[in-house]
Amino acid sequence: MTFSEALTAGDFSRVLALAYRRQARIVTEYVFPPIPDRSNDWLAYVDGSIDVCGDAECGCRSRVRIGRGASEDEAVSDLMEKMA
């Protein structure tokens, strides 16, 4: 769905997600883990945010926000909720 389609349909959560994606460049990945539960097949994160320093005591890993979901849209929505 495009930005204008979402706006016309009144899907304001989708409008917000699309607008944020244009600014922050949200990356999505289809990971398909080898488990029967398909509820977390998609990941969403802000580009560059998962590059952590590697120092186990730094704490930067705990600040990374990752959205998860059964679909790409669910993962983006989950990320948006975690960032709010």
PDB file of N, CA and C in Angstrom:
ATOM      1  N   MET A   1       0.849  -1.171   0.000  1.00  0.00           N
ATOM      2  CA  MET A   1       0.000   0.000   0.000  1.00  0.00           C
ATOM      3  C   MET A   1       0.898   1.239   0.000  1.00  0.00           C
ATOM      4  N   THR A   2       0.572   2.175  -0.855  1.00  0.00           N
ATOM      5  CA  THR A   2       1.350   3.406  -0.925  1.00  0.00           C
ATOM      6  C   THR A   2       0.861   4.399   0.124  1.00  0.00           C
ATOM      7  N   PHE A   3       1.632   5.455   0.318  1.00  0.00           N
ATOM      8  CA  PHE A   3       1.291   6.494   1.282  1.00  0.00           C
ATOM      9  C   PHE A   3      -0.071   7.100   0.968  1.00  0.00           C
ATOM     10  N   SER A   4      -0.311   7.463  -0.294  1.00  0.00           N
ATOM     11  CA  SER A   4      -1.586   8.095  -0.658  1.00  0.00           C
ATOM     12  C   SER A   4      -2.759   7.122  -0.534  1.00  0.00           C
ATOM     13  N   GLU A   5      -2.535   5.853  -0.834  1.00  0.00           N
ATOM     14  CA  GLU A   5      -3.598   4.849  -0.684  1.00  0.00           C
ATOM     15  C   GLU A   5      -3.989   4.699   0.790  1.00  0.00           C
ATOM     16  N   ALA A   6      -2.983   4.669   1.665  1.00  0.00           N
ATOM     17  CA  ALA A   6      -3.252   4.538   3.095  1.00  0.00           C
ATOM     18  C   ALA A   6      -3.987   5.767   3.620  1.00  0.00           C
ATOM     19  N   LEU A   7      -3.605   6.936   3.138  1.00  0.00           N
ATOM     20  CA  LEU A   7      -4.258   8.172   3.562  1.00  0.00           C
ATOM     21  C   LEU A   7      -5.708   8.199   3.102  1.00  0.00           C
ATOM     22  N   THR A   8      -5.960   7.808   1.856  1.00  0.00           N
ATOM     23  CA  THR A   8      -7.318   7.768   1.307  1.00  0.00           C
ATOM     24  C   THR A   8      -8.183   6.771   2.066  1.00  0.00           C
ATOM     25  N   ALA A   9      -7.596   5.628   2.447  1.00  0.00           N
ATOM     26  CA  ALA A   9      -8.349   4.592   3.155  1.00  0.00           C
ATOM     27  C   ALA A   9      -8.561   4.929   4.627  1.00  0.00           C
ATOM     28  N   GLY A  10      -7.896   5.973   5.116  1.00  0.00           N
ATOM     29  CA  GLY A  10      -8.040   6.346   6.516  1.00  0.00           C
ATOM     30  C   GLY A  10      -7.239   5.472   7.462  1.00  0.00           C
ATOM     31  N   ASP A  11      -6.268   4.730   6.939  1.00  0.00           N
ATOM     32  CA  ASP A  11      -5.426   3.854   7.750  1.00  0.00           C
ATOM     33  C   ASP A  11      -4.254   4.680   8.296  1.00  0.00           C
ATOM     34  N   PHE A  12      -4.525   5.417   9.363  1.00  0.00           N
ATOM     35  CA  PHE A  12      -3.545   6.383   9.851  1.00  0.00           C
ATOM     36  C   PHE A  12      -2.338   5.741  10.508  1.00  0.00           C
ATOM     37  N   SER A  13      -2.485   4.544  11.065  1.00  0.00           N
ATOM     38  CA  SER A  13      -1.308   3.873  11.616  1.00  0.00           C
ATOM     39  C   SER A  13      -0.353   3.498  10.488  1.00  0.00           C
ATOM     40  N   ARG A  14      -0.919   3.107   9.354  1.00  0.00           N
ATOM     41  CA  ARG A  14      -0.092   2.773   8.187  1.00  0.00           C
ATOM     42  C   ARG A  14       0.538   4.042   7.607  1.00  0.00           C
ATOM     43  N   VAL A  15      -0.209   5.136   7.598  1.00  0.00           N
ATOM     44  CA  VAL A  15       0.324   6.414   7.122  1.00  0.00           C
ATOM     45  C   VAL A  15       1.523   6.815   7.971  1.00  0.00           C
ATOM     46  N   LEU A  16       1.385   6.688   9.288  1.00  0.00           N
ATOM     47  CA  LEU A  16       2.478   7.033  10.195  1.00  0.00           C
ATOM     48  C   LEU A  16       3.691   6.143   9.945  1.00  0.00           C
ATOM     49  N   ALA A  17       3.459   4.853   9.791  1.00  0.00           N
ATOM     50  CA  ALA A  17       4.565   3.926   9.543  1.00  0.00           C
ATOM     51  C   ALA A  17       5.266   4.246   8.232  1.00  0.00           C
ATOM     52  N   LEU A  18       4.500   4.533   7.190  1.00  0.00           N
ATOM     53  CA  LEU A  18       5.105   4.861   5.892  1.00  0.00           C
ATOM     54  C   LEU A  18       5.881   6.174   5.957  1.00  0.00           C
ATOM     55  N   ALA A  19       5.332   7.163   6.664  1.00  0.00           N
ATOM     56  CA  ALA A  19       6.028   8.448   6.801  1.00  0.00           C
ATOM     57  C   ALA A  19       7.326   8.268   7.577  1.00  0.00           C
ATOM     58  N   TYR A  20       7.273   7.471   8.641  1.00  0.00           N
ATOM     59  CA  TYR A  20       8.473   7.248   9.436  1.00  0.00           C
ATOM     60  C   TYR A  20       9.523   6.492   8.619  1.00  0.00           C
ATOM     61  N   ARG A  21       9.070   5.532   7.831  1.00  0.00           N
ATOM     62  CA  ARG A  21       9.997   4.769   6.992  1.00  0.00           C
ATOM     63  C   ARG A  21      10.743   5.678   6.025  1.00  0.00           C
ATOM     64  N   ARG A  22      10.059   6.677   5.510  1.00  0.00           N
ATOM     65  CA  ARG A  22      10.705   7.600   4.570  1.00  0.00           C
ATOM     66  C   ARG A  22      11.819   8.384   5.251  1.00  0.00           C
ATOM     67  N   GLN A  23      11.632   8.724   6.523  1.00  0.00           N
ATOM     68  CA  GLN A  23      12.630   9.508   7.249  1.00  0.00           C
ATOM     69  C   GLN A  23      13.722   8.645   7.852  1.00  0.00           C
ATOM     70  N   ALA A  24      13.355   7.588   8.545  1.00  0.00           N
ATOM     71  CA  ALA A  24      14.306   6.820   9.331  1.00  0.00           C
ATOM     72  C   ALA A  24      14.825   5.582   8.621  1.00  0.00           C
ATOM     73  N   ARG A  25      14.237   5.230   7.511  1.00  0.00           N
ATOM     74  CA  ARG A  25      14.616   4.050   6.752  1.00  0.00           C
ATOM     75  C   ARG A  25      14.567   2.789   7.608  1.00  0.00           C
ATOM     76  N   ILE A  26      13.369   2.286   7.764  1.00  0.00           N
ATOM     77  CA  ILE A  26      13.150   1.059   8.501  1.00  0.00           C
ATOM     78  C   ILE A  26      13.473  -0.117   7.576  1.00  0.00           C
ATOM     79  N   VAL A  27      14.273  -1.019   8.094  1.00  0.00           N
ATOM     80  CA  VAL A  27      14.676  -2.210   7.343  1.00  0.00           C
ATOM     81  C   VAL A  27      13.849  -3.387   7.851  1.00  0.00           C
ATOM     82  N   THR A  28      13.372  -4.217   6.923  1.00  0.00           N
ATOM     83  CA  THR A  28      12.659  -5.426   7.318  1.00  0.00           C
ATOM     84  C   THR A  28      13.395  -6.640   6.755  1.00  0.00           C
ATOM     85  N   GLU A  29      13.325  -7.733   7.502  1.00  0.00           N
ATOM     86  CA  GLU A  29      13.962  -8.986   7.078  1.00  0.00           C
ATOM     87  C   GLU A  29      13.010 -10.140   7.329  1.00  0.00           C
ATOM     88  N   TYR A  30      12.967 -11.062   6.377  1.00  0.00           N
ATOM     89  CA  TYR A  30      12.207 -12.302   6.539  1.00  0.00           C
ATOM     90  C   TYR A  30      13.194 -13.354   7.010  1.00  0.00           C
ATOM     91  N   VAL A  31      13.052 -13.811   8.263  1.00  0.00           N
ATOM     92  CA  VAL A  31      14.070 -14.689   8.852  1.00  0.00           C
ATOM     93  C   VAL A  31      13.692 -16.160   8.855  1.00  0.00           C
ATOM     94  N   PHE A  32      12.432 -16.512   8.901  1.00  0.00           N
ATOM     95  CA  PHE A  32      11.944 -17.892   8.815  1.00  0.00           C
ATOM     96  C   PHE A  32      12.763 -18.855   9.676  1.00  0.00           C
ATOM     97  N   PRO A  33      12.685 -18.711  11.024  1.00  0.00           N
ATOM     98  CA  PRO A  33      13.456 -19.616  11.890  1.00  0.00           C
ATOM     99  C   PRO A  33      12.950 -21.059  11.788  1.00  0.00           C
ATOM    100  N   PRO A  34      13.798 -22.032  12.064  1.00  0.00           N
ATOM    101  CA  PRO A  34      13.413 -23.446  11.910  1.00  0.00           C
ATOM    102  C   PRO A  34      12.582 -23.965  13.079  1.00  0.00           C
ATOM    103  N   ILE A  35      11.470 -23.298  13.345  1.00  0.00           N
ATOM    104  CA  ILE A  35      10.549 -23.707  14.401  1.00  0.00           C
ATOM    105  C   ILE A  35       9.135 -23.678  13.820  1.00  0.00           C
ATOM    106  N   PRO A  36       8.200 -24.408  14.420  1.00  0.00           N
ATOM    107  CA  PRO A  36       6.841 -24.440  13.858  1.00  0.00           C
ATOM    108  C   PRO A  36       6.050 -23.144  14.039  1.00  0.00           C
ATOM    109  N   ASP A  37       6.398 -22.336  15.020  1.00  0.00           N
ATOM    110  CA  ASP A  37       5.681 -21.081  15.279  1.00  0.00           C
ATOM    111  C   ASP A  37       6.084 -20.023  14.246  1.00  0.00           C
ATOM    112  N   ARG A  38       5.139 -19.531  13.461  1.00  0.00           N
ATOM    113  CA  ARG A  38       5.420 -18.563  12.401  1.00  0.00           C
ATOM    114  C   ARG A  38       5.122 -17.128  12.831  1.00  0.00           C
ATOM    115  N   SER A  39       4.933 -16.875  14.129  1.00  0.00           N
ATOM    116  CA  SER A  39       4.526 -15.545  14.584  1.00  0.00           C
ATOM    117  C   SER A  39       5.659 -14.517  14.609  1.00  0.00           C
ATOM    118  N   ASN A  40       6.891 -14.944  14.429  1.00  0.00           N
ATOM    119  CA  ASN A  40       8.019 -14.015  14.462  1.00  0.00           C
ATOM    120  C   ASN A  40       8.915 -14.147  13.241  1.00  0.00           C
ATOM    121  N   ASP A  41       8.338 -14.419  12.089  1.00  0.00           N
ATOM    122  CA  ASP A  41       9.130 -14.608  10.867  1.00  0.00           C
ATOM    123  C   ASP A  41       9.721 -13.315  10.329  1.00  0.00           C
ATOM    124  N   TRP A  42       9.138 -12.179  10.678  1.00  0.00           N
ATOM    125  CA  TRP A  42       9.624 -10.889  10.162  1.00  0.00           C
ATOM    126  C   TRP A  42      10.243 -10.061  11.268  1.00  0.00           C
ATOM    127  N   LEU A  43      11.329  -9.361  10.943  1.00  0.00           N
ATOM    128  CA  LEU A  43      11.982  -8.415  11.838  1.00  0.00           C
ATOM    129  C   LEU A  43      11.939  -7.034  11.199  1.00  0.00           C
ATOM    130  N   ALA A  44      11.870  -6.003  12.021  1.00  0.00           N
ATOM    131  CA  ALA A  44      11.945  -4.613  11.538  1.00  0.00           C
ATOM    132  C   ALA A  44      12.835  -3.837  12.502  1.00  0.00           C
ATOM    133  N   TYR A  45      13.706  -3.013  11.946  1.00  0.00           N
ATOM    134  CA  TYR A  45      14.585  -2.183  12.767  1.00  0.00           C
ATOM    135  C   TYR A  45      15.005  -0.970  11.960  1.00  0.00           C
ATOM    136  N   VAL A  46      15.463   0.063  12.659  1.00  0.00           N
ATOM    137  CA  VAL A  46      15.940   1.269  11.995  1.00  0.00           C
ATOM    138  C   VAL A  46      17.332   0.982  11.456  1.00  0.00           C
ATOM    139  N   ASP A  47      17.558   1.327  10.211  1.00  0.00           N
ATOM    140  CA  ASP A  47      18.830   1.074   9.547  1.00  0.00           C
ATOM    141  C   ASP A  47      19.989   1.642  10.366  1.00  0.00           C
ATOM    142  N   GLY A  48      20.980   0.823  10.632  1.00  0.00           N
ATOM    143  CA  GLY A  48      22.150   1.237  11.387  1.00  0.00           C
ATOM    144  C   GLY A  48      22.027   1.069  12.889  1.00  0.00           C
ATOM    145  N   SER A  49      20.828   0.757  13.377  1.00  0.00           N
ATOM    146  CA  SER A  49      20.630   0.685  14.827  1.00  0.00           C
ATOM    147  C   SER A  49      21.118  -0.620  15.436  1.00  0.00           C
ATOM    148  N   ILE A  50      21.307  -1.659  14.636  1.00  0.00           N
ATOM    149  CA  ILE A  50      21.739  -2.926  15.217  1.00  0.00           C
ATOM    150  C   ILE A  50      23.248  -3.121  15.124  1.00  0.00           C
ATOM    151  N   ASP A  51      23.960  -2.107  14.682  1.00  0.00           N
ATOM    152  CA  ASP A  51      25.420  -2.165  14.678  1.00  0.00           C
ATOM    153  C   ASP A  51      25.897  -1.816  16.079  1.00  0.00           C
ATOM    154  N   VAL A  52      26.159  -2.829  16.881  1.00  0.00           N
ATOM    155  CA  VAL A  52      26.590  -2.605  18.254  1.00  0.00           C
ATOM    156  C   VAL A  52      28.101  -2.728  18.344  1.00  0.00           C
ATOM    157  N   CYS A  53      28.653  -2.224  19.413  1.00  0.00           N
ATOM    158  CA  CYS A  53      30.105  -2.096  19.524  1.00  0.00           C
ATOM    159  C   CYS A  53      30.834  -3.407  19.770  1.00  0.00           C
ATOM    160  N   GLY A  54      30.185  -4.415  20.343  1.00  0.00           N
ATOM    161  CA  GLY A  54      30.848  -5.680  20.622  1.00  0.00           C
ATOM    162  C   GLY A  54      31.305  -5.812  22.062  1.00  0.00           C
ATOM    163  N   ASP A  55      31.296  -4.725  22.825  1.00  0.00           N
ATOM    164  CA  ASP A  55      31.683  -4.764  24.226  1.00  0.00           C
ATOM    165  C   ASP A  55      30.498  -5.291  25.037  1.00  0.00           C
ATOM    166  N   ALA A  56      30.656  -6.434  25.687  1.00  0.00           N
ATOM    167  CA  ALA A  56      29.563  -7.069  26.420  1.00  0.00           C
ATOM    168  C   ALA A  56      29.087  -6.225  27.601  1.00  0.00           C
ATOM    169  N   GLU A  57      29.940  -5.369  28.148  1.00  0.00           N
ATOM    170  CA  GLU A  57      29.580  -4.562  29.312  1.00  0.00           C
ATOM    171  C   GLU A  57      29.040  -3.180  28.944  1.00  0.00           C
ATOM    172  N   CYS A  58      29.049  -2.847  27.681  1.00  0.00           N
ATOM    173  CA  CYS A  58      28.633  -1.513  27.225  1.00  0.00           C
ATOM    174  C   CYS A  58      27.138  -1.263  27.444  1.00  0.00           C
ATOM    175  N   GLY A  59      26.311  -2.231  27.158  1.00  0.00           N
ATOM    176  CA  GLY A  59      24.874  -2.075  27.290  1.00  0.00           C
ATOM    177  C   GLY A  59      24.175  -1.599  26.030  1.00  0.00           C
ATOM    178  N   CYS A  60      24.913  -1.404  24.949  1.00  0.00           N
ATOM    179  CA  CYS A  60      24.285  -0.900  23.729  1.00  0.00           C
ATOM    180  C   CYS A  60      23.317  -1.918  23.126  1.00  0.00           C
ATOM    181  N   ARG A  61      23.515  -3.202  23.380  1.00  0.00           N
ATOM    182  CA  ARG A  61      22.591  -4.215  22.862  1.00  0.00           C
ATOM    183  C   ARG A  61      21.200  -4.074  23.463  1.00  0.00           C
ATOM    184  N   SER A  62      21.115  -3.634  24.707  1.00  0.00           N
ATOM    185  CA  SER A  62      19.812  -3.505  25.368  1.00  0.00           C
ATOM    186  C   SER A  62      19.008  -2.324  24.826  1.00  0.00           C
ATOM    187  N   ARG A  63      19.648  -1.387  24.130  1.00  0.00           N
ATOM    188  CA  ARG A  63      18.949  -0.225  23.585  1.00  0.00           C
ATOM    189  C   ARG A  63      18.442  -0.441  22.162  1.00  0.00           C
ATOM    190  N   VAL A  64      18.810  -1.549  21.550  1.00  0.00           N
ATOM    191  CA  VAL A  64      18.370  -1.830  20.181  1.00  0.00           C
ATOM    192  C   VAL A  64      16.905  -2.245  20.210  1.00  0.00           C
ATOM    193  N   ARG A  65      16.095  -1.586  19.396  1.00  0.00           N
ATOM    194  CA  ARG A  65      14.672  -1.923  19.316  1.00  0.00           C
ATOM    195  C   ARG A  65      14.425  -2.686  18.026  1.00  0.00           C
ATOM    196  N   ILE A  66      13.815  -3.855  18.171  1.00  0.00           N
ATOM    197  CA  ILE A  66      13.512  -4.709  17.027  1.00  0.00           C
ATOM    198  C   ILE A  66      12.044  -5.074  17.091  1.00  0.00           C
ATOM    199  N   GLY A  67      11.329  -4.839  15.989  1.00  0.00           N
ATOM    200  CA  GLY A  67       9.939  -5.244  15.894  1.00  0.00           C
ATOM    201  C   GLY A  67       9.853  -6.636  15.304  1.00  0.00           C
ATOM    202  N   ARG A  68       8.927  -7.420  15.775  1.00  0.00           N
ATOM    203  CA  ARG A  68       8.745  -8.786  15.284  1.00  0.00           C
ATOM    204  C   ARG A  68       7.280  -9.015  14.951  1.00  0.00           C
ATOM    205  N   GLY A  69       7.042  -9.884  13.975  1.00  0.00           N
ATOM    206  CA  GLY A  69       5.664 -10.192  13.630  1.00  0.00           C
ATOM    207  C   GLY A  69       5.550 -11.296  12.608  1.00  0.00           C
ATOM    208  N   ALA A  70       4.323 -11.765  12.405  1.00  0.00           N
ATOM    209  CA  ALA A  70       4.052 -12.817  11.434  1.00  0.00           C
ATOM    210  C   ALA A  70       4.105 -12.275  10.006  1.00  0.00           C
ATOM    211  N   SER A  71       3.922 -10.968   9.850  1.00  0.00           N
ATOM    212  CA  SER A  71       4.002 -10.338   8.534  1.00  0.00           C
ATOM    213  C   SER A  71       4.927  -9.124   8.630  1.00  0.00           C
ATOM    214  N   GLU A  72       5.294  -8.597   7.488  1.00  0.00           N
ATOM    215  CA  GLU A  72       6.150  -7.418   7.453  1.00  0.00           C
ATOM    216  C   GLU A  72       5.469  -6.235   8.143  1.00  0.00           C
ATOM    217  N   ASP A  73       4.184  -6.037   7.873  1.00  0.00           N
ATOM    218  CA  ASP A  73       3.437  -4.933   8.489  1.00  0.00           C
ATOM    219  C   ASP A  73       3.358  -5.070  10.008  1.00  0.00           C
ATOM    220  N   GLU A  74       3.173  -6.304  10.489  1.00  0.00           N
ATOM    221  CA  GLU A  74       3.118  -6.526  11.932  1.00  0.00           C
ATOM    222  C   GLU A  74       4.452  -6.192  12.586  1.00  0.00           C
ATOM    223  N   ALA A  75       5.545  -6.554  11.930  1.00  0.00           N
ATOM    224  CA  ALA A  75       6.874  -6.262  12.472  1.00  0.00           C
ATOM    225  C   ALA A  75       7.115  -4.749  12.533  1.00  0.00           C
ATOM    226  N   VAL A  76       6.718  -4.013  11.489  1.00  0.00           N
ATOM    227  CA  VAL A  76       6.872  -2.561  11.480  1.00  0.00           C
ATOM    228  C   VAL A  76       5.989  -1.937  12.561  1.00  0.00           C
ATOM    229  N   SER A  77       4.765  -2.405  12.694  1.00  0.00           N
ATOM    230  CA  SER A  77       3.866  -1.882  13.726  1.00  0.00           C
ATOM    231  C   SER A  77       4.422  -2.133  15.129  1.00  0.00           C
ATOM    232  N   ASP A  78       4.982  -3.337  15.336  1.00  0.00           N
ATOM    233  CA  ASP A  78       5.583  -3.675  16.631  1.00  0.00           C
ATOM    234  C   ASP A  78       6.772  -2.745  16.924  1.00  0.00           C
ATOM    235  N   LEU A  79       7.581  -2.480  15.920  1.00  0.00           N
ATOM    236  CA  LEU A  79       8.705  -1.562  16.086  1.00  0.00           C
ATOM    237  C   LEU A  79       8.216  -0.167  16.442  1.00  0.00           C
ATOM    238  N   MET A  80       7.181   0.314  15.742  1.00  0.00           N
ATOM    239  CA  MET A  80       6.643   1.651  16.004  1.00  0.00           C
ATOM    240  C   MET A  80       6.135   1.762  17.442  1.00  0.00           C
ATOM    241  N   GLU A  81       5.474   0.697  17.944  1.00  0.00           N
ATOM    242  CA  GLU A  81       4.985   0.701  19.328  1.00  0.00           C
ATOM    243  C   GLU A  81       6.139   0.765  20.308  1.00  0.00           C
ATOM    244  N   LYS A  82       7.207   0.023  20.024  1.00  0.00           N
ATOM    245  CA  LYS A  82       8.367   0.007  20.926  1.00  0.00           C
ATOM    246  C   LYS A  82       9.120   1.330  20.916  1.00  0.00           C
ATOM    247  N   MET A  83       9.034   2.064  19.812  1.00  0.00           N
ATOM    248  CA  MET A  83       9.728   3.328  19.716  1.00  0.00           C
ATOM    249  C   MET A  83       8.930   4.498  20.282  1.00  0.00           C
ATOM    250  N   ALA A  84       7.634   4.286  20.491  1.00  0.00           N
ATOM    251  CA  ALA A  84       6.765   5.363  21.001  1.00  0.00           C
ATOM    252  C   ALA A  84       7.012   5.641  22.465  1.00  0.00           C
TER     253      ALA A  84
END
